[in-house]
Amino acid sequence: MSHREFDHYIQQLGKKYIIGGDFNAHHGMWSVSGTKNNSSGKSLADLLTDDPNLVLVTPSELPTYRCPKSYAKSTLDLTFMSGNISEQFSVKIGPYLGSDHLPVVIESTIEINNKDKTCLPKWKLREVDWKVWKDELQKHEPYFPDDIEEYNKVFTQELIEVSSKVLKMKVCTKNPQYVKPWWSEECSRAVALSRRAYNK
């Protein structure tokens, strides 16, 4: 991958970003001693020099790969971050799990406030009089917009309005075991778009 291609992808990211992967890039800036530089390594090294906001968080001489034949070690799995968050993270290798690449562990000093954990609301579906629900739904005047996205939005909104009148909600009594504080509506939209593209 060339310098221009790397830069093209980075420019599409936001102000804060984390990039990680097997770049198959060899360079003395991060590779284990004795490794020869290749074209991908030179491109990344040049980009690190040219872009002051791009930071290589992977420590120098961190052996993430071992050749099955020669047992030679290389630093192929790299982690880059924007400069405004790079000091809050560190990178190390994890235990051997059967692959010729060792797992890369990214640790953060960011503290998560457990008080912000919330449960998602759920309907009590076992206590529903579905005839009442159906009658309430039929009170709504049918509206069929030509645009499929608009149709889906209207239909979903009607279901929510009817359900809010007839159904009861489950009360959240405890925090969920697993919480993703970084998840947002933007993440949900991105996942939905990717699934839609995959199913085409």
C-alpha atoms as a PDB file:
ATOM      1  CA  MET A   1       0.000   0.000   0.000  1.00  0.00           C
ATOM      2  CA  SER A   2       1.366   3.385  -0.974  1.00  0.00           C
ATOM      3  CA  HIS A   3       1.804   6.550   1.083  1.00  0.00           C
ATOM      4  CA  ARG A   4      -1.104   8.143  -0.804  1.00  0.00           C
ATOM      5  CA  GLU A   5      -3.433   5.204  -0.101  1.00  0.00           C
ATOM      6  CA  PHE A   6      -2.629   5.198   3.620  1.00  0.00           C
ATOM      7  CA  ASP A   7      -3.175   8.936   3.814  1.00  0.00           C
ATOM      8  CA  HIS A   8      -6.447   8.650   1.857  1.00  0.00           C
ATOM      9  CA  TYR A   9      -7.946   6.268   4.425  1.00  0.00           C
ATOM     10  CA  ILE A  10      -6.718   8.242   7.420  1.00  0.00           C
ATOM     11  CA  GLN A  11      -8.230  11.475   6.094  1.00  0.00           C
ATOM     12  CA  GLN A  12     -11.660   9.810   6.101  1.00  0.00           C
ATOM     13  CA  LEU A  13     -11.503   9.191   9.852  1.00  0.00           C
ATOM     14  CA  GLY A  14     -12.638  11.558  12.569  1.00  0.00           C
ATOM     15  CA  LYS A  15     -10.535  13.578  14.988  1.00  0.00           C
ATOM     16  CA  LYS A  16     -10.089  10.562  17.270  1.00  0.00           C
ATOM     17  CA  TYR A  17      -9.260   7.191  15.798  1.00  0.00           C
ATOM     18  CA  ILE A  18      -7.548   3.853  16.373  1.00  0.00           C
ATOM     19  CA  ILE A  19      -6.150   1.825  13.479  1.00  0.00           C
ATOM     20  CA  GLY A  20      -4.848  -1.682  13.982  1.00  0.00           C
ATOM     21  CA  GLY A  21      -4.005  -4.615  11.773  1.00  0.00           C
ATOM     22  CA  ASP A  22      -1.476  -6.830  10.044  1.00  0.00           C
ATOM     23  CA  PHE A  23       0.121  -4.331   7.654  1.00  0.00           C
ATOM     24  CA  ASN A  24       2.919  -6.704   6.602  1.00  0.00           C
ATOM     25  CA  ALA A  25       5.102  -3.611   6.784  1.00  0.00           C
ATOM     26  CA  HIS A  26       8.784  -3.980   7.660  1.00  0.00           C
ATOM     27  CA  HIS A  27      10.784  -0.974   8.792  1.00  0.00           C
ATOM     28  CA  GLY A  28      13.532  -0.226  11.265  1.00  0.00           C
ATOM     29  CA  MET A  29      11.276   2.287  13.012  1.00  0.00           C
ATOM     30  CA  TRP A  30       9.361  -0.576  14.653  1.00  0.00           C
ATOM     31  CA  SER A  31      10.611  -3.922  13.324  1.00  0.00           C
ATOM     32  CA  VAL A  32      12.758  -6.400  15.175  1.00  0.00           C
ATOM     33  CA  SER A  33      16.466  -5.852  14.590  1.00  0.00           C
ATOM     34  CA  GLY A  34      17.790  -7.186  11.301  1.00  0.00           C
ATOM     35  CA  THR A  35      14.504  -6.895   9.389  1.00  0.00           C
ATOM     36  CA  LYS A  36      14.816  -5.296   5.956  1.00  0.00           C
ATOM     37  CA  ASN A  37      12.528  -2.412   5.052  1.00  0.00           C
ATOM     38  CA  ASN A  38       9.856  -3.103   2.424  1.00  0.00           C
ATOM     39  CA  SER A  39       7.677  -0.739   0.369  1.00  0.00           C
ATOM     40  CA  SER A  40       4.732  -0.809   2.810  1.00  0.00           C
ATOM     41  CA  GLY A  41       7.066  -0.132   5.705  1.00  0.00           C
ATOM     42  CA  LYS A  42       8.648   2.824   3.924  1.00  0.00           C
ATOM     43  CA  SER A  43       5.210   4.247   3.069  1.00  0.00           C
ATOM     44  CA  LEU A  44       4.046   4.031   6.682  1.00  0.00           C
ATOM     45  CA  ALA A  45       7.293   5.467   8.018  1.00  0.00           C
ATOM     46  CA  ASP A  46       7.017   8.406   5.612  1.00  0.00           C
ATOM     47  CA  LEU A  47       3.408   8.989   6.648  1.00  0.00           C
ATOM     48  CA  LEU A  48       4.361   8.988  10.337  1.00  0.00           C
ATOM     49  CA  THR A  49       6.979  11.610   9.547  1.00  0.00           C
ATOM     50  CA  ASP A  50       4.627  13.763   7.459  1.00  0.00           C
ATOM     51  CA  ASP A  51       1.481  13.567   9.637  1.00  0.00           C
ATOM     52  CA  PRO A  52       2.067  15.063  13.120  1.00  0.00           C
ATOM     53  CA  ASN A  53      -1.306  13.751  14.349  1.00  0.00           C
ATOM     54  CA  LEU A  54      -0.551  10.111  13.492  1.00  0.00           C
ATOM     55  CA  VAL A  55       1.137   8.188  16.308  1.00  0.00           C
ATOM     56  CA  LEU A  56       2.503   4.643  16.279  1.00  0.00           C
ATOM     57  CA  VAL A  57       1.527   3.167  19.651  1.00  0.00           C
ATOM     58  CA  THR A  58       3.116  -0.237  19.020  1.00  0.00           C
ATOM     59  CA  PRO A  59       6.414  -0.353  20.936  1.00  0.00           C
ATOM     60  CA  SER A  60       9.577  -0.816  18.925  1.00  0.00           C
ATOM     61  CA  GLU A  61      10.841  -4.401  18.743  1.00  0.00           C
ATOM     62  CA  LEU A  62       7.463  -5.878  19.772  1.00  0.00           C
ATOM     63  CA  PRO A  63       7.466  -9.357  18.127  1.00  0.00           C
ATOM     64  CA  THR A  64       3.891  -9.967  16.983  1.00  0.00           C
ATOM     65  CA  TYR A  65       4.757 -12.641  14.403  1.00  0.00           C
ATOM     66  CA  ARG A  66       7.024 -15.687  14.324  1.00  0.00           C
ATOM     67  CA  CYS A  67       7.804 -17.491  11.078  1.00  0.00           C
ATOM     68  CA  PRO A  68       6.760 -21.176  11.410  1.00  0.00           C
ATOM     69  CA  LYS A  69       9.830 -22.314   9.440  1.00  0.00           C
ATOM     70  CA  SER A  70      12.699 -20.103  10.559  1.00  0.00           C
ATOM     71  CA  TYR A  71      11.182 -18.932  13.869  1.00  0.00           C
ATOM     72  CA  ALA A  72      12.313 -15.428  12.929  1.00  0.00           C
ATOM     73  CA  LYS A  73      10.352 -12.719  14.745  1.00  0.00           C
ATOM     74  CA  SER A  74       8.783  -9.682  13.083  1.00  0.00           C
ATOM     75  CA  THR A  75       6.632  -6.726  14.071  1.00  0.00           C
ATOM     76  CA  LEU A  76       3.835  -6.946  11.506  1.00  0.00           C
ATOM     77  CA  ASP A  77       0.761  -6.096  13.594  1.00  0.00           C
ATOM     78  CA  LEU A  78       0.756  -2.361  14.171  1.00  0.00           C
ATOM     79  CA  THR A  79      -1.512  -0.008  16.097  1.00  0.00           C
ATOM     80  CA  PHE A  80      -1.830   3.666  15.172  1.00  0.00           C
ATOM     81  CA  MET A  81      -3.844   6.349  16.937  1.00  0.00           C
ATOM     82  CA  SER A  82      -4.568  10.027  16.675  1.00  0.00           C
ATOM     83  CA  GLY A  83      -2.249  12.115  18.805  1.00  0.00           C
ATOM     84  CA  ASN A  84      -5.064  13.435  20.998  1.00  0.00           C
ATOM     85  CA  ILE A  85      -5.734   9.984  22.523  1.00  0.00           C
ATOM     86  CA  SER A  86      -2.485   8.050  22.038  1.00  0.00           C
ATOM     87  CA  GLU A  87      -1.149   8.781  25.542  1.00  0.00           C
ATOM     88  CA  GLN A  88      -4.207   7.088  27.074  1.00  0.00           C
ATOM     89  CA  PHE A  89      -3.391   3.709  25.520  1.00  0.00           C
ATOM     90  CA  SER A  90      -0.603   1.158  25.509  1.00  0.00           C
ATOM     91  CA  VAL A  91       0.021  -1.926  23.380  1.00  0.00           C
ATOM     92  CA  LYS A  92       1.479  -5.304  24.313  1.00  0.00           C
ATOM     93  CA  ILE A  93       1.296  -8.875  23.037  1.00  0.00           C
ATOM     94  CA  GLY A  94      -0.900 -11.521  24.602  1.00  0.00           C
ATOM     95  CA  PRO A  95      -0.351 -15.258  25.114  1.00  0.00           C
ATOM     96  CA  TYR A  96       0.101 -17.707  22.250  1.00  0.00           C
ATOM     97  CA  LEU A  97      -3.293 -18.971  21.024  1.00  0.00           C
ATOM     98  CA  GLY A  98      -2.293 -21.244  18.163  1.00  0.00           C
ATOM     99  CA  SER A  99      -1.686 -18.714  15.383  1.00  0.00           C
ATOM    100  CA  ASP A 100       1.653 -17.619  13.949  1.00  0.00           C
ATOM    101  CA  HIS A 101       0.554 -14.110  15.004  1.00  0.00           C
ATOM    102  CA  LEU A 102       0.391 -13.310  18.697  1.00  0.00           C
ATOM    103  CA  PRO A 103      -2.719 -11.429  19.892  1.00  0.00           C
ATOM    104  CA  VAL A 104      -2.281  -7.689  20.287  1.00  0.00           C
ATOM    105  CA  VAL A 105      -3.652  -6.305  23.555  1.00  0.00           C
ATOM    106  CA  ILE A 106      -4.593  -2.620  23.715  1.00  0.00           C
ATOM    107  CA  GLU A 107      -4.946  -1.256  27.247  1.00  0.00           C
ATOM    108  CA  SER A 108      -6.435   2.085  28.218  1.00  0.00           C
ATOM    109  CA  THR A 109      -6.154   4.332  31.249  1.00  0.00           C
ATOM    110  CA  ILE A 110      -9.623   5.779  30.587  1.00  0.00           C
ATOM    111  CA  GLU A 111     -11.931   5.230  33.554  1.00  0.00           C
ATOM    112  CA  ILE A 112     -15.522   4.183  32.916  1.00  0.00           C
ATOM    113  CA  ASN A 113     -18.202   5.456  35.264  1.00  0.00           C
ATOM    114  CA  ASN A 114     -20.286   2.415  36.204  1.00  0.00           C
ATOM    115  CA  LYS A 115     -23.104   4.701  37.322  1.00  0.00           C
ATOM    116  CA  ASP A 116     -23.795   5.458  33.667  1.00  0.00           C
ATOM    117  CA  LYS A 117     -24.767   1.849  32.972  1.00  0.00           C
ATOM    118  CA  THR A 118     -28.388   1.573  31.926  1.00  0.00           C
ATOM    119  CA  CYS A 119     -30.655  -1.278  30.890  1.00  0.00           C
ATOM    120  CA  LEU A 120     -32.479  -1.232  27.591  1.00  0.00           C
ATOM    121  CA  PRO A 121     -36.278  -1.041  28.013  1.00  0.00           C
ATOM    122  CA  LYS A 122     -38.256  -4.145  27.046  1.00  0.00           C
ATOM    123  CA  TRP A 123     -41.932  -4.864  26.485  1.00  0.00           C
ATOM    124  CA  LYS A 124     -43.801  -7.351  28.693  1.00  0.00           C
ATOM    125  CA  LEU A 125     -45.048  -9.577  25.886  1.00  0.00           C
ATOM    126  CA  ARG A 126     -46.476 -12.304  28.124  1.00  0.00           C
ATOM    127  CA  GLU A 127     -49.078  -9.968  29.609  1.00  0.00           C
ATOM    128  CA  VAL A 128     -50.577  -8.614  26.391  1.00  0.00           C
ATOM    129  CA  ASP A 129     -54.169  -8.686  25.212  1.00  0.00           C
ATOM    130  CA  TRP A 130     -53.340  -8.908  21.517  1.00  0.00           C
ATOM    131  CA  LYS A 131     -56.950  -8.245  20.485  1.00  0.00           C
ATOM    132  CA  VAL A 132     -56.826  -4.872  22.241  1.00  0.00           C
ATOM    133  CA  TRP A 133     -53.456  -4.200  20.613  1.00  0.00           C
ATOM    134  CA  LYS A 134     -54.838  -5.078  17.168  1.00  0.00           C
ATOM    135  CA  ASP A 135     -57.946  -2.927  17.654  1.00  0.00           C
ATOM    136  CA  GLU A 136     -55.793   0.012  18.705  1.00  0.00           C
ATOM    137  CA  LEU A 137     -53.569  -0.426  15.656  1.00  0.00           C
ATOM    138  CA  GLN A 138     -56.571  -0.410  13.316  1.00  0.00           C
ATOM    139  CA  LYS A 139     -57.588   3.016  14.612  1.00  0.00           C
ATOM    140  CA  HIS A 140     -54.604   4.509  12.808  1.00  0.00           C
ATOM    141  CA  GLU A 141     -55.290   5.707   9.294  1.00  0.00           C
ATOM    142  CA  PRO A 142     -53.182   3.812   6.738  1.00  0.00           C
ATOM    143  CA  TYR A 143     -50.423   5.843   5.142  1.00  0.00           C
ATOM    144  CA  PHE A 144     -48.254   4.368   2.406  1.00  0.00           C
ATOM    145  CA  PRO A 145     -45.466   6.717   1.279  1.00  0.00           C
ATOM    146  CA  ASP A 146     -43.662   5.864  -1.949  1.00  0.00           C
ATOM    147  CA  ASP A 147     -40.222   5.980  -0.375  1.00  0.00           C
ATOM    148  CA  ILE A 148     -39.430   2.672   1.339  1.00  0.00           C
ATOM    149  CA  GLU A 149     -37.320   4.350   4.030  1.00  0.00           C
ATOM    150  CA  GLU A 150     -40.137   6.744   4.884  1.00  0.00           C
ATOM    151  CA  TYR A 151     -42.627   3.860   4.878  1.00  0.00           C
ATOM    152  CA  ASN A 152     -40.472   1.906   7.324  1.00  0.00           C
ATOM    153  CA  LYS A 153     -40.124   4.967   9.566  1.00  0.00           C
ATOM    154  CA  VAL A 154     -43.894   5.616   9.652  1.00  0.00           C
ATOM    155  CA  PHE A 155     -44.761   1.954  10.197  1.00  0.00           C
ATOM    156  CA  THR A 156     -42.245   1.595  13.033  1.00  0.00           C
ATOM    157  CA  GLN A 157     -43.470   4.762  14.720  1.00  0.00           C
ATOM    158  CA  GLU A 158     -47.081   3.540  14.626  1.00  0.00           C
ATOM    159  CA  LEU A 159     -46.117   0.226  16.197  1.00  0.00           C
ATOM    160  CA  ILE A 160     -44.272   2.023  18.985  1.00  0.00           C
ATOM    161  CA  GLU A 161     -47.182   4.400  19.657  1.00  0.00           C
ATOM    162  CA  VAL A 162     -49.729   1.582  19.820  1.00  0.00           C
ATOM    163  CA  SER A 163     -47.499  -0.605  21.958  1.00  0.00           C
ATOM    164  CA  SER A 164     -46.857   2.266  24.365  1.00  0.00           C
ATOM    165  CA  LYS A 165     -50.611   2.542  24.979  1.00  0.00           C
ATOM    166  CA  VAL A 166     -51.329  -1.166  25.396  1.00  0.00           C
ATOM    167  CA  LEU A 167     -48.139  -2.884  26.529  1.00  0.00           C
ATOM    168  CA  LYS A 168     -46.277  -2.520  29.804  1.00  0.00           C
ATOM    169  CA  MET A 169     -42.529  -2.050  30.101  1.00  0.00           C
ATOM    170  CA  LYS A 170     -40.126  -4.197  32.080  1.00  0.00           C
ATOM    171  CA  VAL A 171     -38.451  -2.310  34.910  1.00  0.00           C
ATOM    172  CA  CYS A 172     -34.663  -2.462  34.931  1.00  0.00           C
ATOM    173  CA  THR A 173     -33.616  -3.620  38.393  1.00  0.00           C
ATOM    174  CA  LYS A 174     -29.890  -4.151  37.886  1.00  0.00           C
ATOM    175  CA  ASN A 175     -27.066  -3.043  35.663  1.00  0.00           C
ATOM    176  CA  PRO A 176     -26.254  -5.216  32.655  1.00  0.00           C
ATOM    177  CA  GLN A 177     -23.179  -7.407  32.944  1.00  0.00           C
ATOM    178  CA  TYR A 178     -21.633  -6.125  29.750  1.00  0.00           C
ATOM    179  CA  VAL A 179     -21.772  -2.485  28.720  1.00  0.00           C
ATOM    180  CA  LYS A 180     -20.346  -0.753  25.669  1.00  0.00           C
ATOM    181  CA  PRO A 181     -20.009   2.903  26.750  1.00  0.00           C
ATOM    182  CA  TRP A 182     -18.550   3.790  23.352  1.00  0.00           C
ATOM    183  CA  TRP A 183     -21.621   2.549  21.427  1.00  0.00           C
ATOM    184  CA  SER A 184     -23.755   5.302  19.937  1.00  0.00           C
ATOM    185  CA  GLU A 185     -26.618   5.850  17.508  1.00  0.00           C
ATOM    186  CA  GLU A 186     -24.002   6.461  14.830  1.00  0.00           C
ATOM    187  CA  CYS A 187     -22.590   2.967  15.464  1.00  0.00           C
ATOM    188  CA  SER A 188     -26.078   1.460  15.142  1.00  0.00           C
ATOM    189  CA  ARG A 189     -26.645   3.236  11.834  1.00  0.00           C
ATOM    190  CA  ALA A 190     -23.260   2.074  10.522  1.00  0.00           C
ATOM    191  CA  VAL A 191     -24.037  -1.555  11.423  1.00  0.00           C
ATOM    192  CA  ALA A 192     -27.465  -1.334   9.785  1.00  0.00           C
ATOM    193  CA  LEU A 193     -25.966   0.100   6.589  1.00  0.00           C
ATOM    194  CA  SER A 194     -23.270  -2.580   6.441  1.00  0.00           C
ATOM    195  CA  ARG A 195     -25.842  -5.363   6.860  1.00  0.00           C
ATOM    196  CA  ARG A 196     -28.039  -3.814   4.195  1.00  0.00           C
ATOM    197  CA  ALA A 197     -25.096  -3.624   1.780  1.00  0.00           C
ATOM    198  CA  TYR A 198     -24.109  -7.232   2.544  1.00  0.00           C
ATOM    199  CA  ASN A 199     -27.639  -8.508   1.822  1.00  0.00           C
ATOM    200  CA  LYS A 200     -27.870  -6.799  -1.586  1.00  0.00           C
END
